[in-house]
Amino acid sequence: MFVLDFNPPERTILASIYLFFAISLVSISEELFFRGFLFDTVAAKYNQKAAIIASVVLFTLMHMSNSMIALAFNCISGIIFVYLRVRYQGVFMSIIAHLVSNWTVFCFGLAYSKLL
């Protein structure tokens, strides 16, 4: 009996590679913008405190959702990411933290969807 396979291994591998790069590139690009470009621009024009506030507020607003839990999570994440930016004087550690955060959320979401 012939069974048509709609999810061949090659397609699964390509989807996995795509997901890896999509999630990773989002994390990296957001950090380069919010804790890199935006932070440096606001800090140069005003001061570091204003840059911290702008970074957290705009990051949180960009991730607005209908869920207060998601809003709080994104605000806390933004605070942690900007803390790492200031503490280590660069975006490398905030990029690592953002990658870990996005991959953790993705994996928990995947595991949760498998339970349903």
Protein backbone atom coordinates (compact mmCIF):
# COMPACT_ATOMS: atom_id res chain seq x y z
CA MET A 1 0.00 0.00 0.00
CA PHE A 2 1.35 3.41 -0.97
CA VAL A 3 1.10 6.18 1.62
CA LEU A 4 1.55 9.76 0.56
CA ASP A 5 3.89 11.47 3.02
CA PHE A 6 3.03 15.17 3.33
CA ASN A 7 5.86 15.78 5.78
CA PRO A 8 9.01 14.22 4.32
CA PRO A 9 12.19 14.40 6.43
CA GLU A 10 13.77 16.94 4.09
CA ARG A 11 10.86 19.32 4.63
CA THR A 12 11.01 18.86 8.39
CA ILE A 13 14.73 19.60 8.40
CA LEU A 14 14.23 22.70 6.25
CA ALA A 15 11.41 23.90 8.52
CA SER A 16 13.64 23.38 11.56
CA ILE A 17 16.47 25.34 9.96
CA TYR A 18 14.04 28.09 9.00
CA LEU A 19 12.66 28.27 12.56
CA PHE A 20 16.16 28.35 14.02
CA PHE A 21 17.18 31.30 11.85
CA ALA A 22 13.84 33.13 12.14
CA ILE A 23 13.75 33.01 15.94
CA SER A 24 17.46 33.78 16.21
CA LEU A 25 17.37 36.68 13.74
CA VAL A 26 14.39 38.25 15.50
CA SER A 27 16.22 38.14 18.83
CA ILE A 28 19.43 39.55 17.39
CA SER A 29 17.76 42.29 15.34
CA GLU A 30 15.58 43.44 18.25
CA GLU A 31 18.61 43.73 20.51
CA LEU A 32 20.63 45.57 17.90
CA PHE A 33 17.76 48.03 17.50
CA PHE A 34 16.47 48.51 21.08
CA ARG A 35 19.68 48.06 23.10
CA GLY A 36 22.02 49.15 20.33
CA PHE A 37 20.80 51.90 18.02
CA LEU A 38 17.89 53.28 20.10
CA PHE A 39 19.77 53.12 23.41
CA ASP A 40 22.88 54.83 22.01
CA THR A 41 20.87 57.48 20.18
CA VAL A 42 18.72 58.43 23.20
CA ALA A 43 21.69 58.28 25.60
CA ALA A 44 23.71 60.60 23.36
CA LYS A 45 20.89 63.11 23.00
CA TYR A 46 19.55 62.99 26.58
CA ASN A 47 21.11 60.63 29.12
CA GLN A 48 21.42 56.97 30.07
CA LYS A 49 18.30 56.99 32.28
CA ALA A 50 16.18 58.25 29.37
CA ALA A 51 17.74 55.59 27.13
CA ILE A 52 16.86 52.87 29.64
CA ILE A 53 13.25 54.05 29.90
CA ALA A 54 12.85 54.46 26.13
CA SER A 55 14.32 51.02 25.48
CA VAL A 56 12.03 49.25 27.96
CA VAL A 57 8.86 51.17 27.09
CA LEU A 58 9.22 50.86 23.31
CA PHE A 59 10.24 47.19 23.55
CA THR A 60 7.16 46.48 25.69
CA LEU A 61 4.84 48.45 23.41
CA MET A 62 6.15 46.64 20.35
CA HIS A 63 5.23 43.34 22.00
CA MET A 64 1.72 44.43 23.03
CA SER A 65 -0.82 41.66 23.30
CA ASN A 66 -4.20 41.05 24.89
CA SER A 67 -2.59 39.16 27.73
CA MET A 68 -1.46 41.02 30.85
CA ILE A 69 0.87 38.12 31.62
CA ALA A 70 2.57 38.50 28.22
CA LEU A 71 2.77 42.27 28.69
CA ALA A 72 4.38 41.84 32.13
CA PHE A 73 6.76 39.18 30.78
CA ASN A 74 7.88 41.45 27.94
CA CYS A 75 8.33 44.43 30.26
CA ILE A 76 10.42 42.36 32.69
CA SER A 77 12.40 40.92 29.77
CA GLY A 78 13.05 44.44 28.48
CA ILE A 79 14.30 45.49 31.92
CA ILE A 80 16.62 42.48 32.12
CA PHE A 81 17.93 43.03 28.59
CA VAL A 82 18.65 46.72 29.19
CA TYR A 83 20.27 45.88 32.54
CA LEU A 84 22.62 43.50 30.72
CA ARG A 85 23.27 46.18 28.09
CA VAL A 86 24.29 48.69 30.75
CA ARG A 87 26.13 46.23 33.00
CA TYR A 88 28.32 44.77 30.24
CA GLN A 89 28.51 47.99 28.17
CA GLY A 90 27.40 46.36 24.94
CA VAL A 91 24.68 44.28 23.35
CA PHE A 92 26.36 40.86 23.33
CA MET A 93 24.97 39.66 26.68
CA SER A 94 21.52 41.07 25.97
CA ILE A 95 21.51 39.22 22.64
CA ILE A 96 22.40 35.96 24.41
CA ALA A 97 19.67 36.53 27.01
CA HIS A 98 17.12 37.37 24.31
CA LEU A 99 18.02 34.24 22.34
CA VAL A 100 17.65 32.08 25.45
CA SER A 101 14.35 33.76 26.30
CA ASN A 102 12.82 33.37 22.82
CA TRP A 103 13.97 29.77 22.50
CA THR A 104 12.62 28.93 25.96
CA VAL A 105 9.23 30.44 25.16
CA PHE A 106 9.19 28.63 21.81
CA CYS A 107 10.07 25.26 23.37
CA PHE A 108 7.51 25.62 26.18
CA GLY A 109 4.88 26.62 23.62
CA LEU A 110 5.74 23.61 21.50
CA ALA A 111 5.62 21.28 24.51
CA TYR A 112 2.29 22.80 25.63
CA SER A 113 0.75 22.36 22.16
CA LYS A 114 1.77 18.69 22.20
CA LEU A 115 -0.13 18.22 25.49
CA LEU A 116 -3.41 19.46 24.02
